[in-house]
N, C-alpha and C. Protein backbone atom coordinates (compact mmCIF):
# COMPACT_ATOMS: atom_id res chain seq x y z
N UNK A 1 -58.89 8.38 -68.94
CA UNK A 1 -57.68 8.05 -69.66
C UNK A 1 -56.65 7.50 -68.68
N UNK A 2 -55.99 6.42 -69.08
CA UNK A 2 -54.97 5.80 -68.23
C UNK A 2 -53.71 6.65 -68.22
N UNK A 3 -53.17 6.88 -67.03
CA UNK A 3 -51.94 7.65 -66.91
C UNK A 3 -50.76 6.76 -67.28
N UNK A 4 -49.89 7.25 -68.15
CA UNK A 4 -48.71 6.50 -68.56
C UNK A 4 -47.65 6.59 -67.48
N UNK A 5 -46.87 5.52 -67.33
CA UNK A 5 -45.77 5.56 -66.35
C UNK A 5 -44.69 6.54 -66.78
N UNK A 6 -43.83 6.87 -65.84
CA UNK A 6 -42.69 7.73 -66.13
C UNK A 6 -41.95 7.20 -67.35
N UNK A 7 -41.80 8.04 -68.35
CA UNK A 7 -41.21 7.64 -69.63
C UNK A 7 -39.81 7.06 -69.47
N UNK A 8 -39.01 7.57 -68.54
CA UNK A 8 -37.63 7.10 -68.39
C UNK A 8 -37.56 5.69 -67.82
N UNK A 9 -38.64 5.21 -67.23
CA UNK A 9 -38.66 3.84 -66.71
C UNK A 9 -39.01 2.82 -67.79
N UNK A 10 -39.46 3.29 -68.93
CA UNK A 10 -39.84 2.40 -70.01
C UNK A 10 -38.63 2.06 -70.87
N UNK A 11 -38.65 0.87 -71.49
CA UNK A 11 -37.63 0.56 -72.47
C UNK A 11 -37.77 1.55 -73.62
N UNK A 12 -36.68 1.78 -74.31
CA UNK A 12 -36.64 2.82 -75.34
C UNK A 12 -37.74 2.62 -76.38
N UNK A 13 -37.98 1.40 -76.80
CA UNK A 13 -38.96 1.16 -77.86
C UNK A 13 -40.38 1.51 -77.45
N UNK A 14 -40.63 1.61 -76.14
CA UNK A 14 -41.96 1.96 -75.65
C UNK A 14 -42.13 3.46 -75.41
N UNK A 15 -41.10 4.23 -75.65
CA UNK A 15 -41.15 5.67 -75.42
C UNK A 15 -41.66 6.46 -76.63
N UNK A 16 -41.91 5.76 -77.71
CA UNK A 16 -42.44 6.43 -78.89
C UNK A 16 -41.39 6.61 -79.96
N UNK A 17 -41.84 7.09 -81.12
CA UNK A 17 -40.93 7.25 -82.25
C UNK A 17 -39.86 8.30 -81.98
N UNK A 18 -38.71 8.06 -82.56
CA UNK A 18 -37.60 9.01 -82.45
C UNK A 18 -37.71 10.01 -83.59
N UNK A 19 -37.57 11.29 -83.29
CA UNK A 19 -37.69 12.31 -84.33
C UNK A 19 -36.69 12.08 -85.46
N UNK A 20 -37.16 12.25 -86.66
CA UNK A 20 -36.36 12.23 -87.88
C UNK A 20 -35.86 10.85 -88.31
N UNK A 21 -36.08 9.81 -87.51
CA UNK A 21 -35.68 8.47 -87.90
C UNK A 21 -36.82 7.87 -88.73
N UNK A 22 -36.52 7.40 -89.96
CA UNK A 22 -37.57 6.82 -90.78
C UNK A 22 -38.30 5.69 -90.03
N UNK A 23 -39.61 5.58 -90.23
CA UNK A 23 -40.39 4.59 -89.49
C UNK A 23 -39.83 3.16 -89.56
N UNK A 24 -39.37 2.74 -90.72
CA UNK A 24 -38.85 1.37 -90.85
C UNK A 24 -37.54 1.18 -90.10
N UNK A 25 -36.88 2.26 -89.73
CA UNK A 25 -35.60 2.15 -89.01
C UNK A 25 -35.73 2.45 -87.52
N UNK A 26 -36.97 2.73 -87.07
CA UNK A 26 -37.19 2.97 -85.64
C UNK A 26 -36.70 1.80 -84.78
N UNK A 27 -36.99 0.54 -85.14
CA UNK A 27 -36.52 -0.57 -84.29
C UNK A 27 -34.99 -0.63 -84.18
N UNK A 28 -34.30 -0.28 -85.24
CA UNK A 28 -32.83 -0.25 -85.20
C UNK A 28 -32.37 0.81 -84.21
N UNK A 29 -32.92 2.01 -84.34
CA UNK A 29 -32.55 3.11 -83.44
C UNK A 29 -32.91 2.78 -82.00
N UNK A 30 -34.11 2.24 -81.78
CA UNK A 30 -34.51 1.88 -80.42
C UNK A 30 -33.55 0.86 -79.81
N UNK A 31 -33.17 -0.16 -80.58
CA UNK A 31 -32.27 -1.19 -80.06
C UNK A 31 -30.91 -0.61 -79.70
N UNK A 32 -30.40 0.28 -80.53
CA UNK A 32 -29.09 0.88 -80.26
C UNK A 32 -29.14 1.79 -79.03
N UNK A 33 -30.21 2.56 -78.91
CA UNK A 33 -30.34 3.43 -77.73
C UNK A 33 -30.56 2.63 -76.45
N UNK A 34 -31.30 1.53 -76.55
CA UNK A 34 -31.48 0.65 -75.38
C UNK A 34 -30.14 0.05 -74.97
N UNK A 35 -29.37 -0.37 -75.94
CA UNK A 35 -28.05 -0.93 -75.65
C UNK A 35 -27.18 0.11 -74.95
N UNK A 36 -27.22 1.33 -75.44
CA UNK A 36 -26.41 2.39 -74.82
C UNK A 36 -26.82 2.61 -73.37
N UNK A 37 -28.12 2.67 -73.11
CA UNK A 37 -28.58 2.86 -71.73
C UNK A 37 -28.11 1.72 -70.83
N UNK A 38 -28.24 0.50 -71.31
CA UNK A 38 -27.85 -0.66 -70.49
C UNK A 38 -26.35 -0.68 -70.24
N UNK A 39 -25.55 -0.36 -71.25
CA UNK A 39 -24.10 -0.32 -71.06
C UNK A 39 -23.73 0.75 -70.05
N UNK A 40 -24.30 1.94 -70.20
CA UNK A 40 -23.98 3.03 -69.26
C UNK A 40 -24.39 2.68 -67.84
N UNK A 41 -25.55 2.05 -67.67
CA UNK A 41 -26.01 1.68 -66.33
C UNK A 41 -25.11 0.63 -65.70
N UNK A 42 -24.79 -0.42 -66.41
CA UNK A 42 -24.03 -1.52 -65.82
C UNK A 42 -22.56 -1.14 -65.58
N UNK A 43 -22.05 -0.23 -66.41
CA UNK A 43 -20.64 0.14 -66.26
C UNK A 43 -20.42 1.28 -65.29
N UNK A 44 -21.49 1.85 -64.77
CA UNK A 44 -21.40 3.01 -63.90
C UNK A 44 -20.46 2.80 -62.72
N UNK A 45 -20.56 1.68 -62.03
CA UNK A 45 -19.72 1.42 -60.86
C UNK A 45 -18.87 0.17 -61.03
N UNK A 46 -18.64 -0.24 -62.26
CA UNK A 46 -17.88 -1.46 -62.49
C UNK A 46 -16.41 -1.22 -62.15
N UNK A 47 -15.80 -2.14 -61.36
CA UNK A 47 -14.41 -1.95 -60.95
C UNK A 47 -13.43 -2.10 -62.12
N UNK A 48 -12.58 -1.14 -62.26
CA UNK A 48 -11.58 -1.10 -63.34
C UNK A 48 -10.72 -2.36 -63.36
N UNK A 49 -10.38 -2.90 -62.20
CA UNK A 49 -9.47 -4.05 -62.15
C UNK A 49 -10.10 -5.33 -62.71
N UNK A 50 -11.41 -5.33 -62.93
CA UNK A 50 -12.08 -6.50 -63.49
C UNK A 50 -12.30 -6.40 -65.00
N UNK A 51 -11.90 -5.30 -65.60
CA UNK A 51 -12.20 -5.01 -67.00
C UNK A 51 -11.73 -6.09 -67.97
N UNK A 52 -10.58 -6.69 -67.71
CA UNK A 52 -10.01 -7.66 -68.66
C UNK A 52 -10.08 -9.09 -68.13
N UNK A 53 -10.79 -9.30 -67.03
CA UNK A 53 -10.97 -10.66 -66.50
C UNK A 53 -11.85 -11.47 -67.44
N UNK A 54 -11.55 -12.78 -67.54
CA UNK A 54 -12.31 -13.66 -68.43
C UNK A 54 -12.81 -14.86 -67.64
N UNK A 55 -13.92 -14.72 -66.92
CA UNK A 55 -14.43 -15.85 -66.14
C UNK A 55 -14.83 -16.99 -67.09
N UNK A 56 -14.39 -18.21 -66.74
CA UNK A 56 -14.68 -19.40 -67.56
C UNK A 56 -14.20 -19.19 -69.00
N UNK A 57 -13.21 -18.35 -69.19
CA UNK A 57 -12.61 -18.06 -70.49
C UNK A 57 -13.56 -17.42 -71.50
N UNK A 58 -14.65 -16.80 -71.03
CA UNK A 58 -15.51 -16.05 -71.93
C UNK A 58 -14.85 -14.70 -72.21
N UNK A 59 -15.38 -13.98 -73.16
CA UNK A 59 -14.82 -12.67 -73.51
C UNK A 59 -14.93 -11.71 -72.32
N UNK A 60 -13.92 -10.87 -72.19
CA UNK A 60 -13.89 -9.91 -71.09
C UNK A 60 -14.86 -8.76 -71.35
N UNK A 61 -15.17 -8.04 -70.28
CA UNK A 61 -15.99 -6.84 -70.39
C UNK A 61 -15.30 -5.84 -71.31
N UNK A 62 -13.98 -5.71 -71.18
CA UNK A 62 -13.21 -4.81 -72.04
C UNK A 62 -13.37 -5.15 -73.51
N UNK A 63 -13.32 -6.47 -73.82
CA UNK A 63 -13.53 -6.88 -75.21
C UNK A 63 -14.89 -6.43 -75.71
N UNK A 64 -15.93 -6.69 -74.93
CA UNK A 64 -17.28 -6.34 -75.37
C UNK A 64 -17.40 -4.84 -75.62
N UNK A 65 -16.81 -4.02 -74.74
CA UNK A 65 -16.88 -2.58 -74.94
C UNK A 65 -16.16 -2.17 -76.22
N UNK A 66 -14.98 -2.74 -76.47
CA UNK A 66 -14.27 -2.44 -77.71
C UNK A 66 -15.05 -2.93 -78.92
N UNK A 67 -15.58 -4.14 -78.84
CA UNK A 67 -16.27 -4.75 -79.96
C UNK A 67 -17.58 -4.02 -80.29
N UNK A 68 -18.31 -3.62 -79.27
CA UNK A 68 -19.56 -2.89 -79.50
C UNK A 68 -19.31 -1.64 -80.35
N UNK A 69 -18.29 -0.91 -80.02
CA UNK A 69 -17.95 0.30 -80.77
C UNK A 69 -17.47 -0.06 -82.17
N UNK A 70 -16.57 -1.02 -82.25
CA UNK A 70 -15.97 -1.39 -83.53
C UNK A 70 -16.95 -1.99 -84.52
N UNK A 71 -17.81 -2.87 -84.04
CA UNK A 71 -18.73 -3.54 -84.96
C UNK A 71 -19.76 -2.56 -85.51
N UNK A 72 -20.21 -1.62 -84.71
CA UNK A 72 -21.12 -0.59 -85.24
C UNK A 72 -20.43 0.24 -86.31
N UNK A 73 -19.21 0.61 -86.05
CA UNK A 73 -18.44 1.37 -87.02
C UNK A 73 -18.27 0.58 -88.32
N UNK A 74 -17.92 -0.68 -88.20
CA UNK A 74 -17.68 -1.49 -89.40
C UNK A 74 -18.97 -1.74 -90.19
N UNK A 75 -20.04 -2.12 -89.50
CA UNK A 75 -21.28 -2.43 -90.21
C UNK A 75 -21.88 -1.18 -90.89
N UNK A 76 -21.78 -0.04 -90.24
CA UNK A 76 -22.27 1.17 -90.87
C UNK A 76 -21.36 1.61 -92.01
N UNK A 77 -20.09 1.27 -91.95
CA UNK A 77 -19.19 1.53 -93.08
C UNK A 77 -19.64 0.72 -94.29
N UNK A 78 -19.93 -0.56 -94.08
CA UNK A 78 -20.44 -1.38 -95.19
C UNK A 78 -21.78 -0.85 -95.69
N UNK A 79 -22.62 -0.37 -94.78
CA UNK A 79 -23.91 0.17 -95.18
C UNK A 79 -23.73 1.38 -96.10
N UNK A 80 -22.66 2.15 -95.89
CA UNK A 80 -22.35 3.30 -96.75
C UNK A 80 -21.63 2.87 -98.04
N UNK A 81 -21.47 1.57 -98.23
CA UNK A 81 -20.79 1.01 -99.40
C UNK A 81 -19.31 1.38 -99.43
N UNK A 82 -18.70 1.41 -98.27
CA UNK A 82 -17.28 1.74 -98.16
C UNK A 82 -16.52 0.50 -97.69
N UNK A 83 -15.23 0.49 -97.96
CA UNK A 83 -14.35 -0.55 -97.44
C UNK A 83 -13.79 -0.08 -96.10
N UNK A 84 -13.39 -1.04 -95.29
CA UNK A 84 -12.79 -0.68 -94.00
C UNK A 84 -11.44 -0.02 -94.23
N UNK A 85 -11.13 0.94 -93.38
CA UNK A 85 -9.84 1.62 -93.43
C UNK A 85 -8.80 0.81 -92.67
N UNK A 86 -7.56 1.17 -92.84
CA UNK A 86 -6.49 0.53 -92.07
C UNK A 86 -6.71 0.73 -90.58
N UNK A 87 -7.18 1.91 -90.20
CA UNK A 87 -7.45 2.19 -88.79
C UNK A 87 -8.53 1.25 -88.25
N UNK A 88 -9.57 1.02 -89.02
CA UNK A 88 -10.63 0.10 -88.59
C UNK A 88 -10.11 -1.33 -88.48
N UNK A 89 -9.29 -1.74 -89.42
CA UNK A 89 -8.73 -3.09 -89.39
C UNK A 89 -7.78 -3.27 -88.20
N UNK A 90 -7.02 -2.24 -87.90
CA UNK A 90 -6.13 -2.28 -86.73
C UNK A 90 -6.94 -2.37 -85.44
N UNK A 91 -8.01 -1.58 -85.36
CA UNK A 91 -8.88 -1.62 -84.18
C UNK A 91 -9.51 -3.01 -84.03
N UNK A 92 -9.95 -3.59 -85.15
CA UNK A 92 -10.53 -4.93 -85.11
C UNK A 92 -9.52 -5.95 -84.58
N UNK A 93 -8.30 -5.88 -85.07
CA UNK A 93 -7.26 -6.82 -84.62
C UNK A 93 -6.94 -6.65 -83.13
N UNK A 94 -7.15 -5.44 -82.61
CA UNK A 94 -6.83 -5.17 -81.21
C UNK A 94 -7.97 -5.41 -80.23
N UNK A 95 -9.15 -5.75 -80.75
CA UNK A 95 -10.28 -5.97 -79.84
C UNK A 95 -9.99 -7.15 -78.92
N UNK A 96 -10.16 -6.90 -77.64
CA UNK A 96 -9.92 -7.93 -76.65
C UNK A 96 -8.54 -7.87 -76.04
N UNK A 97 -7.68 -7.04 -76.60
CA UNK A 97 -6.34 -6.89 -76.06
C UNK A 97 -6.38 -5.94 -74.87
N UNK A 98 -5.94 -6.44 -73.74
CA UNK A 98 -5.94 -5.62 -72.53
C UNK A 98 -4.92 -4.51 -72.68
N UNK A 99 -5.35 -3.31 -72.47
CA UNK A 99 -4.46 -2.16 -72.52
C UNK A 99 -4.66 -1.35 -71.25
N UNK A 100 -3.60 -0.73 -70.74
CA UNK A 100 -3.75 0.03 -69.51
C UNK A 100 -4.71 1.20 -69.66
N UNK A 101 -4.74 1.77 -70.83
CA UNK A 101 -5.72 2.81 -71.15
C UNK A 101 -6.29 2.45 -72.51
N UNK A 102 -7.47 2.72 -72.87
CA UNK A 102 -8.38 3.62 -72.19
C UNK A 102 -9.06 2.98 -71.00
N UNK A 103 -9.45 3.81 -70.09
CA UNK A 103 -10.17 3.37 -68.90
C UNK A 103 -11.64 3.15 -69.26
N UNK A 104 -12.38 2.61 -68.32
CA UNK A 104 -13.80 2.31 -68.55
C UNK A 104 -14.56 3.53 -69.10
N UNK A 105 -14.42 4.71 -68.51
CA UNK A 105 -15.18 5.85 -69.07
C UNK A 105 -14.84 6.12 -70.53
N UNK A 106 -13.58 5.93 -70.91
CA UNK A 106 -13.19 6.16 -72.30
C UNK A 106 -13.84 5.14 -73.23
N UNK A 107 -13.87 3.88 -72.81
CA UNK A 107 -14.50 2.83 -73.62
C UNK A 107 -16.01 3.05 -73.74
N UNK A 108 -16.65 3.42 -72.64
CA UNK A 108 -18.10 3.68 -72.66
C UNK A 108 -18.39 4.92 -73.50
N UNK A 109 -17.60 5.96 -73.36
CA UNK A 109 -17.82 7.17 -74.16
C UNK A 109 -17.63 6.91 -75.65
N UNK A 110 -16.66 6.07 -76.00
CA UNK A 110 -16.46 5.72 -77.41
C UNK A 110 -17.70 5.01 -77.95
N UNK A 111 -18.27 4.12 -77.17
CA UNK A 111 -19.49 3.43 -77.59
C UNK A 111 -20.65 4.43 -77.71
N UNK A 112 -20.79 5.31 -76.74
CA UNK A 112 -21.86 6.32 -76.80
C UNK A 112 -21.75 7.16 -78.07
N UNK A 113 -20.54 7.58 -78.39
CA UNK A 113 -20.34 8.40 -79.60
C UNK A 113 -20.66 7.59 -80.86
N UNK A 114 -20.32 6.31 -80.86
CA UNK A 114 -20.60 5.48 -82.03
C UNK A 114 -22.11 5.30 -82.20
N UNK A 115 -22.83 5.16 -81.10
CA UNK A 115 -24.30 5.07 -81.19
C UNK A 115 -24.86 6.39 -81.72
N UNK A 116 -24.34 7.51 -81.24
CA UNK A 116 -24.79 8.81 -81.76
C UNK A 116 -24.57 8.91 -83.26
N UNK A 117 -23.40 8.48 -83.71
CA UNK A 117 -23.08 8.49 -85.14
C UNK A 117 -24.05 7.61 -85.91
N UNK A 118 -24.34 6.43 -85.37
CA UNK A 118 -25.27 5.51 -86.03
C UNK A 118 -26.67 6.13 -86.13
N UNK A 119 -27.14 6.76 -85.07
CA UNK A 119 -28.47 7.38 -85.09
C UNK A 119 -28.50 8.51 -86.13
N UNK A 120 -27.45 9.29 -86.20
CA UNK A 120 -27.37 10.35 -87.21
C UNK A 120 -27.45 9.75 -88.62
N UNK A 121 -26.76 8.64 -88.83
CA UNK A 121 -26.81 8.00 -90.15
C UNK A 121 -28.18 7.41 -90.44
N UNK A 122 -28.83 6.86 -89.42
CA UNK A 122 -30.19 6.35 -89.64
C UNK A 122 -31.13 7.47 -90.07
N UNK A 123 -30.99 8.64 -89.45
CA UNK A 123 -31.83 9.78 -89.80
C UNK A 123 -31.63 10.20 -91.25
N UNK A 124 -30.43 10.02 -91.76
CA UNK A 124 -30.12 10.43 -93.13
C UNK A 124 -30.38 9.33 -94.16
N UNK A 125 -30.84 8.17 -93.71
CA UNK A 125 -31.06 7.04 -94.61
C UNK A 125 -32.38 7.18 -95.35
N UNK A 126 -32.31 7.05 -96.66
CA UNK A 126 -33.51 7.11 -97.49
C UNK A 126 -34.19 5.74 -97.46
N UNK A 127 -35.40 5.65 -96.94
CA UNK A 127 -36.09 4.36 -96.87
C UNK A 127 -36.24 3.67 -98.22
N UNK A 128 -36.21 4.43 -99.28
CA UNK A 128 -36.32 3.85 -100.62
C UNK A 128 -35.11 2.98 -100.96
N UNK A 129 -34.02 3.16 -100.24
CA UNK A 129 -32.78 2.41 -100.53
C UNK A 129 -32.58 1.18 -99.64
N UNK A 130 -33.52 0.89 -98.76
CA UNK A 130 -33.32 -0.17 -97.77
C UNK A 130 -33.09 -1.55 -98.38
N UNK A 131 -33.64 -1.80 -99.54
CA UNK A 131 -33.43 -3.12 -100.17
C UNK A 131 -32.26 -3.12 -101.15
N UNK A 132 -31.52 -2.03 -101.21
CA UNK A 132 -30.36 -1.96 -102.11
C UNK A 132 -29.27 -2.92 -101.64
N UNK A 133 -28.60 -3.50 -102.63
CA UNK A 133 -27.52 -4.45 -102.37
C UNK A 133 -26.36 -3.78 -101.65
N UNK A 134 -25.80 -4.51 -100.69
CA UNK A 134 -24.57 -4.10 -100.03
C UNK A 134 -23.69 -5.34 -99.89
N UNK A 135 -22.39 -5.15 -100.02
CA UNK A 135 -21.47 -6.27 -99.83
C UNK A 135 -20.79 -6.11 -98.47
N UNK A 136 -20.43 -7.26 -97.91
CA UNK A 136 -19.90 -7.26 -96.54
C UNK A 136 -18.53 -7.95 -96.53
N UNK A 137 -17.56 -7.23 -95.99
CA UNK A 137 -16.25 -7.81 -95.74
C UNK A 137 -15.40 -8.02 -96.99
N UNK A 138 -14.24 -8.60 -96.74
CA UNK A 138 -13.30 -8.87 -97.82
C UNK A 138 -13.88 -9.85 -98.83
N UNK A 139 -14.72 -10.76 -98.36
CA UNK A 139 -15.32 -11.75 -99.24
C UNK A 139 -16.50 -11.18 -100.04
N UNK A 140 -16.88 -9.92 -99.74
CA UNK A 140 -17.96 -9.26 -100.44
C UNK A 140 -19.26 -10.07 -100.39
N UNK A 141 -19.58 -10.57 -99.20
CA UNK A 141 -20.79 -11.37 -99.02
C UNK A 141 -22.03 -10.51 -99.24
N UNK A 142 -23.08 -11.09 -99.81
CA UNK A 142 -24.24 -10.29 -100.18
C UNK A 142 -25.15 -9.95 -98.99
N UNK A 143 -25.61 -8.73 -98.97
CA UNK A 143 -26.59 -8.28 -97.99
C UNK A 143 -27.36 -7.13 -98.63
N UNK A 144 -28.14 -6.47 -97.81
CA UNK A 144 -28.85 -5.25 -98.22
C UNK A 144 -28.56 -4.18 -97.17
N UNK A 145 -28.90 -2.95 -97.52
CA UNK A 145 -28.75 -1.87 -96.55
C UNK A 145 -29.53 -2.20 -95.28
N UNK A 146 -30.77 -2.62 -95.43
CA UNK A 146 -31.59 -2.96 -94.27
C UNK A 146 -30.98 -4.14 -93.50
N UNK A 147 -30.50 -5.12 -94.22
CA UNK A 147 -29.87 -6.27 -93.56
C UNK A 147 -28.70 -5.85 -92.68
N UNK A 148 -27.87 -4.95 -93.17
CA UNK A 148 -26.73 -4.47 -92.39
C UNK A 148 -27.18 -3.68 -91.17
N UNK A 149 -28.17 -2.82 -91.35
CA UNK A 149 -28.62 -1.99 -90.23
C UNK A 149 -29.29 -2.83 -89.15
N UNK A 150 -30.11 -3.80 -89.57
CA UNK A 150 -30.75 -4.68 -88.59
C UNK A 150 -29.70 -5.54 -87.89
N UNK A 151 -28.73 -6.04 -88.66
CA UNK A 151 -27.69 -6.84 -88.03
C UNK A 151 -26.87 -6.01 -87.05
N UNK A 152 -26.62 -4.76 -87.37
CA UNK A 152 -25.88 -3.89 -86.45
C UNK A 152 -26.61 -3.81 -85.11
N UNK A 153 -27.92 -3.64 -85.15
CA UNK A 153 -28.72 -3.57 -83.92
C UNK A 153 -28.73 -4.91 -83.20
N UNK A 154 -28.96 -5.97 -83.95
CA UNK A 154 -29.03 -7.32 -83.36
C UNK A 154 -27.69 -7.72 -82.75
N UNK A 155 -26.62 -7.47 -83.46
CA UNK A 155 -25.29 -7.85 -82.98
C UNK A 155 -24.92 -7.04 -81.73
N UNK A 156 -25.29 -5.78 -81.75
CA UNK A 156 -25.06 -4.93 -80.58
C UNK A 156 -25.81 -5.47 -79.37
N UNK A 157 -27.09 -5.79 -79.56
CA UNK A 157 -27.89 -6.33 -78.46
C UNK A 157 -27.29 -7.64 -77.93
N UNK A 158 -26.83 -8.49 -78.83
CA UNK A 158 -26.26 -9.78 -78.41
C UNK A 158 -25.03 -9.55 -77.52
N UNK A 159 -24.16 -8.64 -77.93
CA UNK A 159 -22.95 -8.40 -77.12
C UNK A 159 -23.27 -7.67 -75.82
N UNK A 160 -24.27 -6.82 -75.83
CA UNK A 160 -24.67 -6.18 -74.57
C UNK A 160 -25.17 -7.25 -73.60
N UNK A 161 -25.95 -8.21 -74.08
CA UNK A 161 -26.40 -9.31 -73.22
C UNK A 161 -25.23 -10.08 -72.64
N UNK A 162 -24.24 -10.37 -73.47
CA UNK A 162 -23.07 -11.09 -72.98
C UNK A 162 -22.30 -10.24 -71.97
N UNK A 163 -22.18 -8.95 -72.24
CA UNK A 163 -21.50 -8.04 -71.32
C UNK A 163 -22.21 -8.03 -69.97
N UNK A 164 -23.55 -7.94 -69.99
CA UNK A 164 -24.32 -7.89 -68.74
C UNK A 164 -24.10 -9.14 -67.90
N UNK A 165 -24.08 -10.30 -68.54
CA UNK A 165 -23.86 -11.55 -67.81
C UNK A 165 -22.44 -11.59 -67.25
N UNK A 166 -21.45 -11.21 -68.06
CA UNK A 166 -20.06 -11.23 -67.60
C UNK A 166 -19.86 -10.28 -66.42
N UNK A 167 -20.47 -9.10 -66.49
CA UNK A 167 -20.38 -8.15 -65.38
C UNK A 167 -20.96 -8.78 -64.12
N UNK A 168 -22.13 -9.39 -64.24
CA UNK A 168 -22.78 -9.98 -63.07
C UNK A 168 -21.92 -11.10 -62.47
N UNK A 169 -21.35 -11.95 -63.31
CA UNK A 169 -20.51 -13.05 -62.83
C UNK A 169 -19.28 -12.49 -62.11
N UNK A 170 -18.63 -11.52 -62.71
CA UNK A 170 -17.43 -10.94 -62.11
C UNK A 170 -17.74 -10.23 -60.79
N UNK A 171 -18.83 -9.49 -60.75
CA UNK A 171 -19.19 -8.78 -59.52
C UNK A 171 -19.60 -9.75 -58.43
N UNK A 172 -20.28 -10.82 -58.79
CA UNK A 172 -20.68 -11.84 -57.82
C UNK A 172 -19.44 -12.51 -57.23
N UNK A 173 -18.50 -12.87 -58.09
CA UNK A 173 -17.27 -13.51 -57.62
C UNK A 173 -16.49 -12.56 -56.71
N UNK A 174 -16.43 -11.29 -57.08
CA UNK A 174 -15.71 -10.30 -56.27
C UNK A 174 -16.39 -10.14 -54.90
N UNK A 175 -17.70 -10.11 -54.89
CA UNK A 175 -18.45 -9.98 -53.64
C UNK A 175 -18.26 -11.22 -52.76
N UNK A 176 -18.24 -12.39 -53.38
CA UNK A 176 -18.02 -13.64 -52.61
C UNK A 176 -16.63 -13.66 -51.99
N UNK A 177 -15.64 -13.13 -52.68
CA UNK A 177 -14.27 -13.07 -52.11
C UNK A 177 -14.23 -12.13 -50.91
N UNK A 178 -15.03 -11.07 -50.95
CA UNK A 178 -15.07 -10.12 -49.83
C UNK A 178 -15.68 -10.78 -48.58
N UNK A 179 -16.65 -11.67 -48.80
CA UNK A 179 -17.34 -12.33 -47.69
C UNK A 179 -16.43 -13.36 -47.03
N UNK A 180 -15.65 -14.06 -47.84
CA UNK A 180 -14.80 -15.14 -47.32
C UNK A 180 -13.74 -14.65 -46.41
């Protein structure tokens, strides 16, 4: 029998099914947990003073951290067939706004908690309801429960990718300034 590599070195989706998550929602949970691991790893030593920098006018690392948390909250709200609250709308309007606080650990912890909340909701999702109609946003655009959950994972992954590139660009530029 072939010995499997250390489980923690594998991407989340290769570590096996997550307990209590319905089989059809495993990919959503895996994507969200992978995103969380990547965010935590890349932000571990990221310099606070670069948080709101926008190289080539792309979105800042701070924006991505705020948006990752907010978009999961909003999409799962729609999945529950709820409207956004005033607090959610205010948070949406503030995404990307540089604020002296919260610091990086606060932004990362908020994202971690939102992923935990999403995983808890996935566990409670009845697979029989996955094709049920859901409306999205003020325009009440048509979707399904599954469509919202998959989009939450996909959108999260997309922003994590952008965050990873922005971090690398900012750190490279900072390192080049140290050399000069």
